[in-house]
Protein backbone atom coordinates (compact mmCIF):
# COMPACT_ATOMS: atom_id res chain seq x y z
CA MET A 1 0.07 -0.03 0.04
CA PRO A 2 1.59 3.30 -1.01
CA VAL A 3 2.14 5.84 1.75
CA PHE A 4 4.48 8.56 0.16
CA THR A 5 5.05 9.78 -3.44
CA ASP A 6 7.33 12.57 -4.74
CA PHE A 7 5.30 14.40 -7.34
CA GLU A 8 6.50 13.40 -10.68
CA GLY A 9 8.84 11.01 -8.89
CA THR A 10 8.90 7.73 -7.09
CA THR A 11 6.44 6.04 -4.60
CA THR A 12 7.17 4.31 -1.35
CA THR A 13 4.99 1.86 0.35
CA TYR A 14 4.23 1.59 4.13
CA GLY A 15 6.45 -1.49 4.14
CA GLU A 16 9.42 0.17 2.46
CA ALA A 17 9.14 3.12 4.74
CA ALA A 18 9.11 0.94 7.78
CA GLN A 19 12.28 -0.86 6.31
CA MET A 20 14.15 2.41 6.03
CA ILE A 21 13.08 3.50 9.55
CA ARG A 22 14.36 0.19 10.95
CA GLN A 23 17.79 0.77 9.20
CA ILE A 24 18.14 4.39 10.54
CA HIS A 25 17.31 2.98 13.99
CA ARG A 26 20.03 0.32 13.73
CA TYR A 27 22.54 3.04 13.11
CA PHE A 28 21.26 5.25 15.91
CA ARG A 29 21.71 2.31 18.38
CA GLU A 30 25.24 1.38 17.10
CA SER A 31 26.48 4.94 17.11
CA GLY A 32 25.39 5.58 20.67
CA ILE A 33 22.63 8.17 19.91
CA GLN A 34 20.25 8.51 22.86
CA LYS A 35 16.52 9.14 23.48
CA GLY A 36 16.22 13.02 23.80
CA ASP A 37 19.23 13.85 21.46
CA LYS A 38 18.43 16.47 18.92
CA ILE A 39 18.53 15.53 15.32
CA ALA A 40 17.87 18.10 12.59
CA ILE A 41 16.16 17.73 9.13
CA LEU A 42 17.01 20.38 6.36
CA GLY A 43 15.40 20.20 3.08
CA ARG A 44 12.08 20.64 1.11
CA ASN A 45 9.04 18.31 1.46
CA SER A 46 9.88 14.73 0.24
CA SER A 47 9.40 11.08 1.21
CA THR A 48 12.83 10.86 2.65
CA TRP A 49 12.12 14.04 4.86
CA ALA A 50 9.05 12.19 6.18
CA ILE A 51 10.85 8.92 6.72
CA SER A 52 13.66 10.84 8.48
CA PHE A 53 11.14 12.53 10.80
CA LEU A 54 9.32 9.23 11.60
CA ALA A 55 12.56 7.54 12.36
CA ILE A 56 13.89 10.29 14.73
CA SER A 57 10.56 10.41 16.51
CA GLY A 58 10.19 6.64 16.60
CA TYR A 59 13.73 6.36 18.25
CA GLY A 60 12.73 8.95 20.93
CA GLY A 61 14.83 11.75 19.43
CA VAL A 62 14.00 15.40 19.27
CA ILE A 63 13.35 16.49 15.81
CA VAL A 64 14.82 20.13 14.71
CA PRO A 65 13.03 20.79 11.36
CA ILE A 66 14.86 23.62 9.49
CA LEU A 67 13.19 25.74 6.73
CA PRO A 68 15.24 25.31 3.51
CA ASP A 69 14.82 29.05 2.78
CA PHE A 70 16.89 30.12 5.73
CA ASN A 71 20.37 31.60 4.82
CA PRO A 72 23.39 29.47 5.56
CA ASP A 73 24.24 31.63 8.73
CA ASP A 74 20.77 31.05 10.19
CA ILE A 75 20.99 27.33 9.52
CA VAL A 76 24.24 27.14 11.28
CA HIS A 77 22.97 29.21 14.25
CA ILE A 78 20.00 26.91 14.58
CA LEU A 79 22.02 23.77 14.51
CA ASN A 80 24.32 25.07 17.14
CA HIS A 81 21.65 26.72 19.30
CA SER A 82 19.47 23.52 19.29
CA GLU A 83 22.61 21.31 20.05
CA SER A 84 21.74 19.02 17.22
CA ILE A 85 24.23 16.16 16.93
CA PHE A 86 23.10 14.66 13.57
CA LEU A 87 21.61 16.10 10.41
CA PHE A 88 19.41 14.86 7.50
CA ALA A 89 20.02 17.29 4.62
CA ALA A 90 19.38 18.16 1.00
CA ASP A 91 22.63 17.94 -0.87
CA THR A 92 22.50 21.45 -2.45
CA LEU A 93 21.68 23.03 0.89
CA PHE A 94 24.45 21.29 2.86
CA ASP A 95 26.96 22.18 0.25
CA LYS A 96 26.42 25.92 1.17
CA LEU A 97 27.21 25.21 5.02
CA PRO A 98 30.52 25.74 6.75
CA VAL A 99 31.10 22.29 8.34
CA ASP A 100 33.76 23.65 10.41
CA LYS A 101 31.33 25.94 12.30
CA LEU A 102 29.21 22.79 13.22
CA PRO A 103 31.24 21.14 15.98
CA GLY A 104 28.39 19.30 17.48
CA ILE A 105 27.23 17.56 14.37
CA LYS A 106 28.70 14.13 14.23
CA GLY A 107 27.21 13.12 10.88
CA VAL A 108 25.30 14.27 7.91
CA VAL A 109 23.19 12.08 5.52
CA SER A 110 21.68 13.08 2.25
CA LEU A 111 17.84 13.34 1.87
CA SER A 112 18.14 12.11 -1.59
CA LYS A 113 19.19 8.52 -1.13
CA PHE A 114 20.24 8.37 2.55
CA SER A 115 23.90 8.34 1.40
CA PRO A 116 26.55 9.73 3.73
CA LEU A 117 27.55 13.51 3.15
CA SER A 118 29.89 14.24 6.01
CA PHE A 119 31.04 12.45 9.22
CA LYS A 120 33.52 13.28 11.83
CA THR A 121 35.32 10.07 11.36
CA VAL A 122 35.70 7.36 8.71
CA LYS A 123 34.62 4.87 11.38
CA GLU A 124 31.39 6.68 11.80
CA GLN A 125 30.71 6.86 8.09
CA GLU A 126 31.47 3.20 7.65
CA LEU A 127 29.08 2.46 10.51
CA TRP A 128 26.41 4.36 8.78
CA GLU A 129 27.01 2.48 5.48
CA THR A 130 26.96 -0.84 7.27
CA CYS A 131 23.89 -0.28 9.31
CA PHE A 132 21.78 1.25 6.56
CA THR A 133 21.26 -2.25 4.94
CA PRO A 134 18.54 -4.80 5.27
CA LEU A 135 21.26 -7.35 5.96
CA MET A 136 22.70 -5.54 8.98
CA ALA A 137 19.27 -4.09 10.26
CA GLY A 138 17.08 -7.13 9.66
CA GLN A 139 13.95 -7.34 7.57
CA SER A 140 11.06 -5.27 8.90
CA THR A 141 7.71 -6.91 9.41
CA SER A 142 4.34 -6.08 11.11
CA ASP A 143 5.44 -8.26 14.14
CA ASN A 144 9.02 -6.72 14.78
CA PHE A 145 8.36 -3.08 13.81
CA GLU A 146 8.87 -0.93 16.93
CA MET A 147 8.47 2.69 17.77
CA ASP A 148 9.70 4.14 21.00
CA GLU A 149 7.05 5.46 23.39
CA TYR A 150 6.73 9.17 24.59
CA THR A 151 5.31 10.37 27.81
CA GLY A 152 2.88 13.51 27.26
CA GLU A 153 5.58 15.92 28.56
CA ASP A 154 8.49 14.49 26.56
CA LEU A 155 10.04 17.13 24.15
CA SER A 156 9.19 15.99 20.57
CA ILE A 157 10.00 18.99 18.28
CA ILE A 158 12.01 22.26 18.61
CA SER A 159 10.49 24.37 15.93
CA TYR A 160 12.38 27.54 14.93
CA THR A 161 10.05 30.28 13.54
CA SER A 162 12.88 32.45 12.81
CA GLY A 163 16.72 31.97 12.32
CA THR A 164 18.74 35.01 13.39
CA SER A 165 20.62 34.91 16.73
CA GLY A 166 19.09 38.06 17.95
CA PHE A 167 15.51 36.75 17.48
CA THR A 168 15.93 33.02 18.10
CA LYS A 169 12.68 31.24 19.28
CA GLY A 170 12.81 27.58 19.43
CA VAL A 171 9.36 26.45 20.18
CA MET A 172 9.42 23.25 22.31
CA ILE A 173 6.50 21.09 21.28
CA PRO A 174 5.66 18.12 23.56
CA ALA A 175 4.34 14.81 22.51
CA ARG A 176 1.10 15.64 23.96
CA SER A 177 0.64 18.65 21.76
CA LEU A 178 1.26 16.49 18.67
CA LEU A 179 -1.02 13.63 19.75
CA SER A 180 -3.73 16.14 20.82
CA ASN A 181 -3.68 17.67 17.46
CA ILE A 182 -3.75 14.38 15.59
CA ILE A 183 -6.55 12.95 17.70
CA TYR A 184 -8.60 16.04 17.25
CA ALA A 185 -8.11 15.96 13.38
CA GLN A 186 -8.93 12.18 13.42
CA ASP A 187 -12.20 13.10 15.36
CA HIS A 188 -13.27 16.21 13.20
CA MET A 189 -11.75 16.10 9.83
CA PRO A 190 -12.83 13.95 6.84
CA LEU A 191 -10.13 11.54 6.03
CA GLU A 192 -10.06 7.80 5.78
CA ALA A 193 -7.37 5.14 4.97
CA GLY A 194 -6.52 5.24 1.28
CA ASP A 195 -7.57 8.95 0.80
CA ARG A 196 -4.98 11.15 -1.20
CA ILE A 197 -3.21 14.29 0.17
CA VAL A 198 -0.91 16.87 -1.51
CA SER A 199 1.92 18.28 0.85
CA PHE A 200 3.05 21.71 -0.36
CA LEU A 201 3.10 23.57 2.97
CA PRO A 202 6.63 23.42 4.44
CA MET A 203 6.81 20.69 6.95
CA ALA A 204 9.44 22.63 8.86
CA HIS A 205 6.33 24.41 10.09
CA VAL A 206 3.69 22.64 12.16
CA PHE A 207 0.57 23.46 10.06
CA GLY A 208 1.97 21.49 7.01
CA LEU A 209 3.68 19.05 9.34
CA LEU A 210 0.50 17.98 11.26
CA PHE A 211 -2.25 18.21 8.77
CA GLU A 212 -0.57 17.35 5.45
CA PHE A 213 1.66 14.57 6.91
CA LEU A 214 1.23 13.20 10.45
CA PHE A 215 -2.43 13.25 10.64
CA PRO A 216 -2.95 11.64 7.19
CA VAL A 217 -0.35 9.01 7.72
CA SER A 218 -2.06 8.15 11.14
CA VAL A 219 -5.27 7.13 9.32
CA GLY A 220 -3.53 5.29 6.39
CA CYS A 221 -3.49 8.11 3.66
CA HIS A 222 -1.14 8.30 0.63
CA VAL A 223 0.74 11.62 0.79
CA THR A 224 2.13 13.30 -2.33
CA PHE A 225 4.89 15.75 -1.73
CA LEU A 226 5.89 18.70 -3.82
CA SER A 227 9.72 18.44 -3.55
CA LYS A 228 10.11 21.59 -5.64
CA ALA A 229 9.57 25.24 -4.54
CA PRO A 230 5.67 25.31 -4.82
CA THR A 231 4.28 27.88 -7.25
CA PRO A 232 0.46 28.36 -7.75
CA GLN A 233 0.64 26.62 -11.23
CA LEU A 234 2.57 23.63 -9.81
CA ILE A 235 0.29 23.44 -6.87
CA ILE A 236 -2.84 23.33 -9.13
CA LYS A 237 -1.24 20.82 -11.42
CA ALA A 238 -0.65 18.53 -8.56
CA PHE A 239 -4.24 18.89 -7.21
CA GLN A 240 -5.70 18.13 -10.65
CA GLU A 241 -3.47 14.98 -11.01
CA VAL A 242 -3.58 13.62 -7.49
CA LYS A 243 -7.17 14.74 -6.70
CA PRO A 244 -6.85 15.13 -2.97
CA ARG A 245 -9.55 14.44 -0.42
CA LEU A 246 -8.64 17.29 1.94
CA ILE A 247 -6.78 20.47 1.03
CA LEU A 248 -4.82 22.67 3.30
CA SER A 249 -3.70 26.06 2.17
CA VAL A 250 -2.52 29.59 3.16
CA PRO A 251 -4.52 32.65 2.08
CA LEU A 252 -2.12 33.85 -0.50
CA VAL A 253 -2.78 30.72 -2.69
CA ILE A 254 -6.51 31.13 -2.63
CA GLU A 255 -6.39 34.85 -3.08
CA LYS A 256 -4.04 34.59 -6.19
CA ILE A 257 -6.51 32.14 -7.67
CA TYR A 258 -9.39 34.51 -7.01
CA LYS A 259 -7.58 37.63 -8.32
CA LYS A 260 -6.06 36.04 -11.42
CA ARG A 261 -8.87 33.51 -12.48
CA ILE A 262 -12.13 34.85 -11.02
CA LEU A 263 -12.06 38.51 -10.65
CA PRO A 264 -11.05 39.33 -14.34
CA GLU A 265 -14.11 37.34 -15.51
CA LEU A 266 -16.50 38.94 -13.04
CA GLU A 267 -15.19 42.47 -14.10
CA LYS A 268 -16.33 41.97 -17.78
CA PRO A 269 -19.15 44.37 -18.70
CA LEU A 270 -21.45 41.65 -19.80
CA ILE A 271 -20.77 39.48 -16.63
CA LYS A 272 -21.30 42.46 -14.45
CA PHE A 273 -24.72 43.06 -16.07
CA LEU A 274 -25.82 39.51 -15.82
CA LEU A 275 -24.80 39.24 -12.20
CA LYS A 276 -27.48 41.71 -11.51
CA VAL A 277 -30.13 39.39 -12.94
CA PRO A 278 -31.30 37.07 -9.98
CA GLY A 279 -31.76 33.81 -11.91
CA ILE A 280 -28.83 34.19 -14.05
CA GLN A 281 -26.74 35.14 -11.14
CA LEU A 282 -27.29 31.83 -9.46
CA LEU A 283 -26.28 30.06 -12.73
CA LEU A 284 -22.99 32.03 -12.93
CA PHE A 285 -22.13 31.48 -9.35
CA LYS A 286 -22.82 27.73 -9.86
CA LYS A 287 -20.55 27.71 -12.91
CA VAL A 288 -17.77 29.69 -11.06
CA ARG A 289 -18.02 27.20 -8.07
CA THR A 290 -17.85 24.16 -10.35
CA SER A 291 -14.88 25.65 -12.15
CA LEU A 292 -13.03 26.25 -8.72
CA ILE A 293 -13.76 22.80 -7.44
CA ASP A 294 -12.29 21.34 -10.78
CA THR A 295 -9.25 23.50 -10.44
CA PHE A 296 -8.68 21.89 -6.98
CA GLY A 297 -8.99 18.42 -8.28
CA GLY A 298 -12.66 17.96 -7.92
CA ASN A 299 -12.56 15.33 -5.08
CA PHE A 300 -11.95 17.18 -1.81
CA HIS A 301 -14.42 17.50 1.15
CA GLU A 302 -13.18 21.04 2.13
CA ILE A 303 -10.24 23.42 1.87
CA VAL A 304 -8.92 24.41 5.26
CA ILE A 305 -7.30 27.84 5.22
CA GLY A 306 -4.89 29.01 7.95
CA GLY A 307 -1.68 30.84 8.85
CA ALA A 308 -3.03 34.33 8.35
CA PRO A 309 -6.39 36.20 7.67
CA LEU A 310 -8.08 35.60 4.49
CA ASN A 311 -9.03 38.79 2.53
CA HIS A 312 -12.55 39.86 3.51
CA GLU A 313 -13.63 40.29 -0.15
CA VAL A 314 -12.42 36.79 -1.14
CA GLU A 315 -14.15 35.24 1.93
CA ALA A 316 -17.42 36.97 1.19
CA PHE A 317 -17.39 35.87 -2.47
CA PHE A 318 -16.51 32.15 -1.70
CA ARG A 319 -19.41 32.16 0.92
CA LYS A 320 -21.70 33.63 -1.74
CA ILE A 321 -21.05 30.85 -4.12
CA LYS A 322 -21.25 28.14 -1.41
CA PHE A 323 -17.56 27.02 -2.03
CA PRO A 324 -16.44 24.32 0.55
CA PHE A 325 -13.87 26.11 2.59
CA THR A 326 -13.22 26.91 6.16
CA ILE A 327 -10.76 29.00 8.18
CA GLY A 328 -8.76 27.73 11.07
CA TYR A 329 -6.54 29.57 13.64
CA GLY A 330 -3.44 28.45 15.36
CA MET A 331 0.22 29.11 16.07
CA THR A 332 3.37 27.14 16.36
CA GLU A 333 3.09 27.48 20.12
CA CYS A 334 -0.04 25.22 20.09
CA GLY A 335 1.38 22.70 17.59
CA PRO A 336 -0.54 24.42 15.85
CA LEU A 337 -4.44 24.26 16.26
CA ILE A 338 -6.55 26.66 18.47
CA SER A 339 -9.85 26.74 16.54
CA TYR A 340 -11.52 25.06 13.53
CA GLU A 341 -15.08 24.21 12.35
CA PRO A 342 -16.13 22.26 9.30
CA TRP A 343 -17.30 24.48 6.34
CA THR A 344 -20.89 23.14 6.68
CA SER A 345 -21.29 24.76 10.20
CA PHE A 346 -18.69 27.50 10.01
CA SER A 347 -19.68 30.80 11.42
CA PRO A 348 -18.89 33.57 8.74
CA SER A 349 -16.01 35.92 9.62
CA SER A 350 -14.83 33.67 12.45
CA ALA A 351 -11.63 31.62 12.71
CA GLY A 352 -13.51 28.46 13.77
CA ARG A 353 -14.58 27.16 16.95
CA LEU A 354 -12.17 26.39 19.87
CA VAL A 355 -10.85 22.91 19.62
CA ASP A 356 -12.19 20.65 22.47
CA ARG A 357 -8.88 20.19 24.19
CA MET A 358 -8.43 23.80 24.88
CA GLU A 359 -9.84 26.64 26.99
CA VAL A 360 -10.05 30.22 25.70
CA ARG A 361 -10.42 33.59 27.38
CA ILE A 362 -10.41 37.11 26.16
CA ASP A 363 -8.53 39.78 28.22
CA SER A 364 -11.34 42.31 28.29
CA ARG A 365 -14.34 43.22 30.52
CA ASP A 366 -16.85 41.77 27.80
CA PRO A 367 -15.25 38.93 25.77
CA TYR A 368 -18.27 38.73 23.66
CA ASN A 369 -18.26 42.31 22.44
CA GLU A 370 -15.03 44.07 23.65
CA VAL A 371 -11.83 43.22 21.89
CA GLY A 372 -9.08 41.90 23.99
CA GLU A 373 -5.95 39.55 23.76
CA ILE A 374 -6.83 35.90 22.94
CA GLN A 375 -5.46 33.58 25.64
CA VAL A 376 -5.62 29.94 25.52
CA ARG A 377 -4.76 26.90 27.90
CA GLY A 378 -4.71 23.16 27.30
CA ALA A 379 -3.13 20.18 25.84
CA ASN A 380 -1.93 21.69 22.65
CA VAL A 381 0.20 24.44 24.38
CA MET A 382 4.04 24.28 24.17
CA LEU A 383 6.53 23.61 26.87
CA GLY A 384 8.18 26.91 26.31
CA TYR A 385 10.90 28.44 24.18
CA TYR A 386 14.30 26.58 24.16
CA LYS A 387 16.91 28.22 26.28
CA ASN A 388 14.87 31.24 26.74
CA GLU A 389 13.06 31.25 30.02
CA LYS A 390 12.57 34.93 29.96
CA ILE A 391 10.30 34.96 26.87
CA THR A 392 8.58 31.86 28.15
CA ALA A 393 7.54 33.47 31.31
CA GLU A 394 6.41 36.39 29.33
CA THR A 395 4.27 34.23 26.92
CA ILE A 396 2.83 31.61 29.45
CA ASP A 397 1.61 32.86 32.75
CA SER A 398 1.63 31.15 36.15
CA GLU A 399 -1.76 29.71 35.56
CA GLY A 400 -0.79 28.18 32.22
CA TRP A 401 -2.48 30.56 29.98
CA LEU A 402 -0.76 31.24 26.66
CA HIS A 403 -0.90 34.93 25.63
CA THR A 404 -1.26 34.64 21.89
CA GLY A 405 -0.69 38.44 21.26
CA ASP A 406 -3.67 38.29 18.86
CA LEU A 407 -6.66 40.41 19.50
CA GLY A 408 -10.28 39.19 19.12
CA ILE A 409 -13.63 38.35 20.73
CA ILE A 410 -15.65 34.97 21.07
CA ASP A 411 -19.20 34.09 20.95
CA THR A 412 -21.27 31.79 23.16
CA LYS A 413 -20.35 28.73 21.13
CA ASN A 414 -16.56 29.65 21.69
CA SER A 415 -16.21 30.62 18.03
CA VAL A 416 -13.14 32.91 17.65
CA TYR A 417 -13.22 36.22 15.71
CA ILE A 418 -9.84 37.78 15.20
CA ARG A 419 -9.79 41.50 15.16
CA GLY A 420 -6.08 42.08 15.00
CA ARG A 421 -2.60 40.46 15.11
CA SER A 422 -0.40 42.37 17.42
CA LYS A 423 2.50 40.17 16.70
CA ASN A 424 2.81 41.61 13.19
CA MET A 425 3.90 38.35 11.67
CA LEU A 426 3.66 38.16 7.85
CA LEU A 427 3.19 34.93 5.87
CA GLY A 428 5.38 33.99 2.83
CA SER A 429 3.89 32.48 -0.40
CA SER A 430 4.27 28.87 0.83
CA GLY A 431 3.41 29.49 4.44
CA GLN A 432 6.80 30.60 5.77
CA ASN A 433 6.61 32.98 8.86
CA ILE A 434 8.15 36.51 8.12
CA TYR A 435 8.89 38.58 11.06
CA PRO A 436 9.11 42.28 9.96
CA GLU A 437 10.88 43.40 13.23
CA GLU A 438 13.80 41.10 12.27
CA MET A 439 14.12 42.70 8.80
CA GLU A 440 13.67 46.21 10.11
CA ASP A 441 16.42 45.71 12.71
CA LYS A 442 18.83 44.99 9.84
CA LEU A 443 17.58 47.63 7.34
CA ASN A 444 17.98 50.30 10.08
CA ASN A 445 21.63 49.74 9.94
CA TYR A 446 22.00 50.83 6.27
CA PRO A 447 22.92 54.28 5.12
CA PHE A 448 20.65 57.07 5.61
CA VAL A 449 18.04 55.11 7.15
CA MET A 450 16.45 56.62 10.37
CA GLU A 451 13.69 54.14 10.83
CA CYS A 452 11.45 51.92 8.87
CA VAL A 453 8.34 49.83 8.74
CA ILE A 454 8.16 46.71 6.54
CA THR A 455 4.76 45.57 5.42
CA GLU A 456 2.96 43.62 2.74
CA ARG A 457 1.40 45.23 -0.35
CA ASP A 458 -0.21 43.13 -3.17
CA GLY A 459 1.61 40.07 -1.99
CA LYS A 460 4.96 41.67 -1.97
CA LEU A 461 7.22 43.02 0.89
CA VAL A 462 7.89 46.71 0.88
CA ALA A 463 9.76 48.90 3.25
CA PHE A 464 8.79 52.51 4.26
CA VAL A 465 11.81 54.37 5.27
CA TYR A 466 12.22 57.75 7.00
CA PRO A 467 15.71 58.99 6.08
CA ASP A 468 17.88 60.48 8.82
CA PRO A 469 17.35 64.25 8.31
CA GLU A 470 20.66 65.07 9.69
CA ILE A 471 22.68 62.82 7.56
CA VAL A 472 20.53 63.96 4.45
CA GLU A 473 21.41 67.58 5.28
CA LYS A 474 25.06 66.81 5.91
CA GLU A 475 25.43 64.92 2.58
CA MET A 476 23.42 67.38 0.72
CA ALA A 477 21.51 64.41 -0.91
CA ASP A 478 18.58 65.18 -3.06
CA VAL A 479 15.49 62.87 -3.66
CA VAL A 480 17.11 61.28 -6.74
CA GLN A 481 20.19 60.41 -4.78
CA LEU A 482 18.28 59.14 -1.88
CA LYS A 483 16.11 56.82 -4.17
CA ASP A 484 19.54 55.36 -5.67
CA ILE A 485 21.00 54.94 -2.16
CA MET A 486 17.76 53.16 -0.99
CA GLU A 487 17.75 50.87 -4.09
CA GLU A 488 21.35 49.85 -3.28
CA ASN A 489 20.28 49.40 0.31
CA ARG A 490 17.46 47.05 -0.81
CA ARG A 491 19.85 45.02 -3.03
CA GLN A 492 22.27 44.59 -0.18
CA VAL A 493 19.85 43.84 2.64
CA ASN A 494 18.08 41.22 0.46
CA LYS A 495 21.32 39.30 0.68
CA GLU A 496 20.62 38.78 4.23
CA PHE A 497 17.19 37.52 3.93
CA PRO A 498 15.83 34.13 2.56
CA LYS A 499 14.09 34.20 -0.81
CA PHE A 500 10.62 34.23 0.64
CA ALA A 501 11.51 37.37 2.45
CA GLN A 502 12.78 39.67 -0.24
CA LEU A 503 12.00 43.31 -0.20
CA SER A 504 10.50 44.42 -3.56
CA SER A 505 10.83 48.04 -3.02
CA ILE A 506 11.72 50.88 -0.50
CA ILE A 507 9.36 53.89 -0.30
CA LEU A 508 10.48 57.12 1.18
CA VAL A 509 8.41 59.06 3.60
CA THR A 510 8.87 62.57 4.48
CA LYS A 511 7.59 62.56 8.04
CA GLU A 512 8.70 60.68 11.10
CA PHE A 513 6.47 57.69 11.76
CA GLU A 514 3.57 58.39 14.28
CA LYS A 515 4.29 56.76 17.67
CA THR A 516 2.68 55.62 20.85
CA PRO A 517 3.59 57.29 24.30
CA LYS A 518 6.09 54.45 24.64
CA ARG A 519 7.64 55.65 21.22
CA ASN A 520 6.62 52.29 19.46
CA ILE A 521 5.57 53.01 15.88
CA LYS A 522 1.89 52.77 15.32
CA ARG A 523 2.30 49.99 12.64
CA TYR A 524 -1.37 49.79 11.88
CA LEU A 525 -1.16 53.10 10.09
CA TYR A 526 1.29 51.71 7.55
CA THR A 527 -0.08 48.37 6.90
């Protein structure tokens, strides 16, 4: 029975995956790797990525998944900060890493064919080559296949939502959080053994990891991985060929399809006129709905959108045509799910209903009407941030409430309505987290930059920059010179950011940014 397929590549059965896991376990045992040791995975979604994850987890190790889009310095920092001792890596990504700056890594194995890439000693490499064979590891069967047991509080994953040393946040996700998310999905989401799934969200983030990989595998599904950088065209091609039963997505993919495929048709004069005719309007909406469903493969129960707010115009239109989609809310610190509701019972404009393993409260006098911070408590909540007790204490209070930093209200059914995201996180095209404060911190160090705000406009990152007036006056710079300087700043600072976090432009502003009494920029005025 097939379990993994690399899109336009090879397929792996459940039995073949179990055999490779057994061989990896043999090496772990022989090399002295212990339960609780940190082992990293660096690469795009693939069958071998999934097998590596299951092997580490099944041995009792702590997985450190790393986004392939991080630059080499960030990857080195994460490997060292996490104290990882072993690495599964894509060849092209490992080639860019300075091995001499990874003193704790005893061995590196390729994610292409599990071949050795780098080992501290010849003996260690020979041990891998010997152990990773059916002859040495033995043949895997349903009777002898074993996975290590976790207790609920055991650390399972350290998920780094950013890479730079100044903003390191390794989210410590325990086994109970993963198990809670999986069981909730099994109880509430429509998947059965043999169903097909397309995995294109990065598995280095928990949204894709849990709901395009771990949950589907737990019920016997067949997962197809997009191992290349996913574009909307590639994603749609995969949907139409694989015909997945459940689809997970970030808003940007849905919004692009709406803006590029649907909106141009709706804006045509004849269609605009016909949409005003009640009977014809219904026929047109039905046609659009059918076309959209076919675009996504025509076989899915629903599309679950998460990671960031969906554009209100897009949501309203999809509701109008009765398109089967729903919106979930979560964060890495909850592994990830906080709220979800099937599309058939979803409350419009909400982010779903609180999952049944969690409690929620709103930090306001009237949680049903007055906006306040959303705070949650329960089985999904993380252990804390790795090696960062200060931020952990600021995020999880003494009563166990996780302060999400997001603003909203709830209703009597515990449906969550998000009214603002005070954490300012932006979302990349494939679900990558982008933290504008990190980027601003770097850009503020460049010539002529007094202060800046980075935000998203039409799916692209832009920086609003207020030039330092003293330096401008001293250098006698005019507007043309400033624009040239800022363009050079943009080119240089982009070298410090991953591909998904590239600045498309720098826009000069003539007045200092408006600020709060604490001198914090009022970001909402510029987003």
